[in-house]
Amino acid sequence: MMGSIAGDVIGSVYEGNPIKRTEFPLFDRQCRFTDDTVLTIAVAYAILDRVDYGDALKMYGRKYPGAGYGSSFYRWMISDEEAPYNSWGNGSAMRVSPVGFAFDTAEDVLEEARKSAAVTHNHPEGIKGAQATALSIFLARRGETKNVIRKKIERSFGYDLRRRLDDIRPAYYFDISCQGSVPESIIAFLESDSFEDAIRKAISLGGDSDTMASIAGGIAQAFYGDIPDTISTYIRHILPAEFLSIIDRFNTEYCR
């Protein structure tokens, strides 16, 4: 899941300052972790300690209330309300990467992705975005080719993954919906030739950059293997010790 977190941190400075190119400084003094990272950690914690996903999301969200949550999630997070709010936003996909790494059958991955999403994002598109992201990670870490990943995701979720980034980029804009950002994030991975390239390509679309880079980064880590030391060292330097502890526990348990 470090790949997702790296995408979030690198993309954080471009969320409100979109760019339409792949050439940009990878790190900036204003890089930070956002809600994507906090909630990814929460999902990993829920899996490790067998805690309810909703409880884990509320707990970590309340610990880090200034991470940049969407307004609907924030209201749910600080309330005593347990019911989901039917969101189709990409928050369900941005936090799901631990599911793709932790479970060993496609059926389990899809079911756990559904569970992790449904506590807030119980709209069909919210569920679909989380499942498509998690299944992409699962297939990538099992050694499937990009062509196989593309076909299985298209067949399972109806996403059009044969579009080209060069065709998408000119008219693309900030879109927080799963249906308007998850397919594009997967395409960024499919067109990449390295982990870093996947991050750069996702950000270059000029959309919800931190979340799209987080989605692409999780899949890219599963496909390409280890994250470059320069990136992982930088990311670990800015994360709280609590997050690093969960990441290390998760990697020991599930990413051997």
Protein backbone atom coordinates (compact mmCIF):
# COMPACT_ATOMS: atom_id res chain seq x y z
CA MET A 1 0.00 0.00 0.00
CA MET A 2 3.04 2.30 0.08
CA GLY A 3 2.47 2.81 -3.63
CA SER A 4 -0.92 4.36 -2.97
CA ILE A 5 0.48 6.55 -0.22
CA ALA A 6 3.34 7.71 -2.43
CA GLY A 7 0.86 8.67 -5.13
CA ASP A 8 -1.16 10.66 -2.62
CA VAL A 9 1.85 12.56 -1.28
CA ILE A 10 3.35 13.31 -4.71
CA GLY A 11 -0.02 14.33 -6.12
CA SER A 12 -1.04 16.45 -3.14
CA VAL A 13 0.48 19.69 -4.45
CA TYR A 14 -1.34 19.38 -7.79
CA GLU A 15 -4.88 18.76 -6.56
CA GLY A 16 -5.72 22.45 -6.65
CA ASN A 17 -3.01 23.30 -9.15
CA PRO A 18 -3.55 20.90 -12.06
CA ILE A 19 -0.92 20.25 -14.69
CA LYS A 20 -1.19 18.58 -18.08
CA ARG A 21 2.30 17.16 -18.43
CA THR A 22 4.44 14.38 -16.99
CA GLU A 23 7.54 16.52 -16.46
CA PHE A 24 7.37 18.06 -13.01
CA PRO A 25 9.38 17.92 -9.77
CA LEU A 26 8.54 14.67 -8.04
CA PHE A 27 8.85 16.19 -4.59
CA ASP A 28 7.91 19.64 -3.38
CA ARG A 29 8.31 21.24 0.03
CA GLN A 30 4.51 21.44 0.21
CA CYS A 31 4.02 17.70 -0.38
CA ARG A 32 1.94 16.16 2.39
CA PHE A 33 -0.20 13.16 3.10
CA THR A 34 -3.93 13.73 2.76
CA ASP A 35 -7.15 11.88 3.53
CA ASP A 36 -6.19 9.25 0.94
CA THR A 37 -3.28 8.16 3.13
CA VAL A 38 -5.11 8.41 6.45
CA LEU A 39 -7.97 6.24 5.25
CA THR A 40 -5.68 3.76 3.52
CA ILE A 41 -3.96 3.31 6.86
CA ALA A 42 -7.37 2.88 8.47
CA VAL A 43 -8.32 0.09 6.06
CA ALA A 44 -4.98 -1.64 6.64
CA TYR A 45 -5.51 -1.36 10.40
CA ALA A 46 -9.01 -2.83 10.07
CA ILE A 47 -7.62 -5.81 8.15
CA LEU A 48 -4.70 -6.38 10.53
CA ASP A 49 -6.69 -6.12 13.74
CA ARG A 50 -10.01 -7.44 12.37
CA VAL A 51 -11.78 -4.19 13.20
CA ASP A 52 -14.97 -3.03 11.50
CA TYR A 53 -14.10 -0.84 8.51
CA GLY A 54 -16.45 1.92 9.58
CA ASP A 55 -15.02 2.03 13.09
CA ALA A 56 -11.47 2.18 11.75
CA LEU A 57 -12.28 4.97 9.29
CA LYS A 58 -13.94 7.06 11.99
CA MET A 59 -11.11 6.47 14.44
CA TYR A 60 -8.31 7.48 12.10
CA GLY A 61 -10.29 10.30 10.55
CA ARG A 62 -10.88 11.83 13.96
CA LYS A 63 -7.19 11.47 14.82
CA TYR A 64 -6.24 13.43 11.70
CA PRO A 65 -9.19 15.79 11.15
CA GLY A 66 -7.32 18.25 8.93
CA ALA A 67 -6.33 15.83 6.18
CA GLY A 68 -8.75 17.23 3.59
CA TYR A 69 -11.81 15.01 3.68
CA GLY A 70 -14.83 15.53 1.50
CA SER A 71 -17.67 17.31 3.24
CA SER A 72 -20.02 14.31 3.29
CA PHE A 73 -17.37 12.01 4.70
CA TYR A 74 -16.34 14.59 7.29
CA ARG A 75 -19.90 14.96 8.57
CA TRP A 76 -20.21 11.17 8.78
CA MET A 77 -16.79 10.88 10.41
CA ILE A 78 -17.48 13.27 13.30
CA SER A 79 -21.04 12.07 13.88
CA ASP A 80 -22.36 9.06 15.74
CA GLU A 81 -24.16 8.02 12.57
CA GLU A 82 -23.22 4.58 11.28
CA ALA A 83 -25.36 4.46 8.14
CA PRO A 84 -23.63 5.08 4.80
CA TYR A 85 -24.52 8.10 2.69
CA ASN A 86 -24.78 6.57 -0.80
CA SER A 87 -21.64 8.21 -2.20
CA TRP A 88 -20.34 7.52 -5.71
CA GLY A 89 -17.14 9.46 -4.99
CA ASN A 90 -13.64 8.10 -5.47
CA GLY A 91 -12.97 8.00 -1.74
CA SER A 92 -13.91 4.32 -1.78
CA ALA A 93 -11.20 3.60 -4.38
CA MET A 94 -8.46 5.77 -2.90
CA ARG A 95 -8.39 3.81 0.38
CA VAL A 96 -8.87 0.24 -0.86
CA SER A 97 -5.33 -0.80 -1.83
CA PRO A 98 -4.68 -2.90 1.32
CA VAL A 99 -7.56 -5.15 0.30
CA GLY A 100 -5.89 -5.94 -3.02
CA PHE A 101 -2.72 -7.03 -1.22
CA ALA A 102 -4.21 -8.87 1.75
CA PHE A 103 -6.62 -11.38 0.26
CA ASP A 104 -5.77 -14.39 -1.86
CA THR A 105 -8.74 -15.02 -4.12
CA ALA A 106 -10.54 -12.70 -6.50
CA GLU A 107 -13.80 -13.51 -4.74
CA ASP A 108 -12.44 -12.47 -1.34
CA VAL A 109 -10.90 -9.31 -2.79
CA LEU A 110 -14.19 -8.27 -4.36
CA GLU A 111 -16.18 -8.99 -1.21
CA GLU A 112 -13.76 -7.16 1.10
CA ALA A 113 -13.56 -4.21 -1.30
CA ARG A 114 -17.35 -4.06 -1.20
CA LYS A 115 -17.33 -4.11 2.59
CA SER A 116 -14.65 -1.44 2.86
CA ALA A 117 -16.59 0.83 0.51
CA ALA A 118 -20.13 0.19 1.67
CA VAL A 119 -19.72 1.70 5.14
CA THR A 120 -19.83 5.09 3.38
CA HIS A 121 -19.90 4.63 -0.41
CA ASN A 122 -22.82 2.25 -0.84
CA HIS A 123 -23.83 3.68 -4.22
CA PRO A 124 -23.23 1.09 -7.00
CA GLU A 125 -20.56 3.29 -8.58
CA GLY A 126 -18.80 3.71 -5.24
CA ILE A 127 -18.72 -0.06 -4.79
CA LYS A 128 -17.61 -0.60 -8.38
CA GLY A 129 -14.70 1.85 -8.10
CA ALA A 130 -13.34 0.17 -4.99
CA GLN A 131 -13.72 -3.31 -6.44
CA ALA A 132 -12.10 -2.40 -9.76
CA THR A 133 -9.10 -0.87 -7.99
CA ALA A 134 -8.67 -3.75 -5.57
CA LEU A 135 -9.06 -6.39 -8.27
CA SER A 136 -6.50 -4.59 -10.46
CA ILE A 137 -4.02 -4.73 -7.58
CA PHE A 138 -4.78 -8.39 -6.94
CA LEU A 139 -4.30 -9.33 -10.59
CA ALA A 140 -1.11 -7.29 -10.84
CA ARG A 141 0.48 -8.87 -7.81
CA ARG A 142 -0.42 -12.32 -9.11
CA GLY A 143 1.66 -11.61 -12.22
CA GLU A 144 -1.09 -11.08 -14.79
CA THR A 145 -0.17 -9.08 -17.87
CA LYS A 146 -1.54 -5.61 -18.49
CA ASN A 147 -3.65 -6.96 -21.30
CA VAL A 148 -5.25 -9.53 -19.01
CA ILE A 149 -5.83 -6.89 -16.32
CA ARG A 150 -7.43 -4.57 -18.86
CA LYS A 151 -9.76 -7.25 -20.23
CA LYS A 152 -10.84 -8.53 -16.80
CA ILE A 153 -11.59 -5.06 -15.46
CA GLU A 154 -13.47 -4.08 -18.61
CA ARG A 155 -15.48 -7.30 -18.55
CA SER A 156 -16.24 -7.13 -14.83
CA PHE A 157 -17.05 -3.43 -14.49
CA GLY A 158 -17.81 -2.06 -17.93
CA TYR A 159 -15.03 0.53 -17.87
CA ASP A 160 -13.57 1.59 -21.22
CA LEU A 161 -9.85 1.08 -20.72
CA ARG A 162 -8.85 1.24 -24.38
CA ARG A 163 -8.83 5.01 -24.47
CA ARG A 164 -5.44 6.74 -24.62
CA LEU A 165 -4.21 9.29 -22.12
CA ASP A 166 -3.24 11.64 -24.94
CA ASP A 167 -6.87 11.62 -26.05
CA ILE A 168 -8.30 11.93 -22.53
CA ARG A 169 -5.96 14.65 -21.24
CA PRO A 170 -6.97 17.76 -23.26
CA ALA A 171 -10.60 17.85 -22.12
CA TYR A 172 -10.20 16.14 -18.76
CA TYR A 173 -11.05 18.10 -15.63
CA PHE A 174 -11.34 17.64 -11.88
CA ASP A 175 -13.79 14.80 -11.27
CA ILE A 176 -14.25 13.14 -7.89
CA SER A 177 -16.68 10.46 -9.08
CA CYS A 178 -15.53 6.87 -9.28
CA GLN A 179 -16.91 6.56 -12.78
CA GLY A 180 -15.04 9.68 -13.90
CA SER A 181 -11.66 9.02 -12.30
CA VAL A 182 -11.07 5.32 -11.54
CA PRO A 183 -10.95 4.17 -15.20
CA GLU A 184 -8.59 7.03 -16.06
CA SER A 185 -6.33 6.13 -13.13
CA ILE A 186 -6.19 2.50 -14.27
CA ILE A 187 -5.35 3.65 -17.79
CA ALA A 188 -2.47 5.71 -16.37
CA PHE A 189 -1.09 2.48 -14.91
CA LEU A 190 -1.70 0.52 -18.10
CA GLU A 191 0.25 3.06 -20.19
CA SER A 192 3.13 3.34 -17.72
CA ASP A 193 6.55 1.74 -17.98
CA SER A 194 7.57 2.06 -14.30
CA PHE A 195 6.16 2.88 -10.89
CA GLU A 196 7.22 6.51 -11.12
CA ASP A 197 5.84 6.81 -14.65
CA ALA A 198 2.42 5.60 -13.48
CA ILE A 199 2.33 8.34 -10.83
CA ARG A 200 3.41 10.99 -13.32
CA LYS A 201 0.87 9.90 -15.91
CA ALA A 202 -2.01 9.92 -13.42
CA ILE A 203 -1.13 13.42 -12.26
CA SER A 204 -0.66 14.64 -15.84
CA LEU A 205 -4.37 14.30 -16.54
CA GLY A 206 -4.95 17.41 -14.44
CA GLY A 207 -7.78 15.99 -12.37
CA ASP A 208 -8.11 14.87 -8.74
CA SER A 209 -4.38 14.36 -8.78
CA ASP A 210 -3.65 12.95 -5.34
CA THR A 211 -6.44 10.39 -5.49
CA MET A 212 -5.78 9.39 -9.09
CA ALA A 213 -2.05 8.99 -8.38
CA SER A 214 -2.95 7.00 -5.27
CA ILE A 215 -5.11 4.61 -7.28
CA ALA A 216 -2.54 4.24 -10.06
CA GLY A 217 0.29 3.96 -7.52
CA GLY A 218 -1.27 1.05 -5.69
CA ILE A 219 -1.68 -0.94 -8.89
CA ALA A 220 1.80 0.03 -10.10
CA GLN A 221 3.42 -1.16 -6.87
CA ALA A 222 1.71 -4.52 -7.23
CA PHE A 223 2.77 -4.83 -10.86
CA TYR A 224 6.33 -3.49 -10.84
CA GLY A 225 7.35 -4.65 -7.37
CA ASP A 226 9.48 -2.53 -5.09
CA ILE A 227 9.09 1.22 -5.06
CA PRO A 228 12.32 3.14 -5.85
CA ASP A 229 14.32 3.89 -2.70
CA THR A 230 14.34 7.61 -3.40
CA ILE A 231 10.55 7.65 -3.29
CA SER A 232 10.00 5.30 -0.34
CA THR A 233 12.64 7.09 1.76
CA TYR A 234 11.03 10.45 1.13
CA ILE A 235 7.55 9.18 1.91
CA ARG A 236 8.61 7.43 5.11
CA HIS A 237 10.31 10.64 6.26
CA ILE A 238 7.07 12.61 6.27
CA LEU A 239 4.69 9.97 7.66
CA PRO A 240 3.83 9.74 11.37
CA ALA A 241 5.42 6.89 13.31
CA GLU A 242 1.96 5.40 13.85
CA PHE A 243 1.47 5.07 10.09
CA LEU A 244 4.89 3.54 9.60
CA SER A 245 4.16 0.94 12.26
CA ILE A 246 0.98 -0.15 10.48
CA ILE A 247 2.69 -0.17 7.08
CA ASP A 248 5.52 -2.32 8.42
CA ARG A 249 3.13 -4.71 10.15
CA PHE A 250 1.05 -4.97 7.00
CA ASN A 251 4.08 -5.61 4.80
CA THR A 252 5.32 -8.32 7.16
CA GLU A 253 1.94 -10.02 7.20
CA TYR A 254 0.82 -9.68 3.60
CA CYS A 255 3.59 -8.47 1.27
CA ARG A 256 6.28 -11.10 1.62
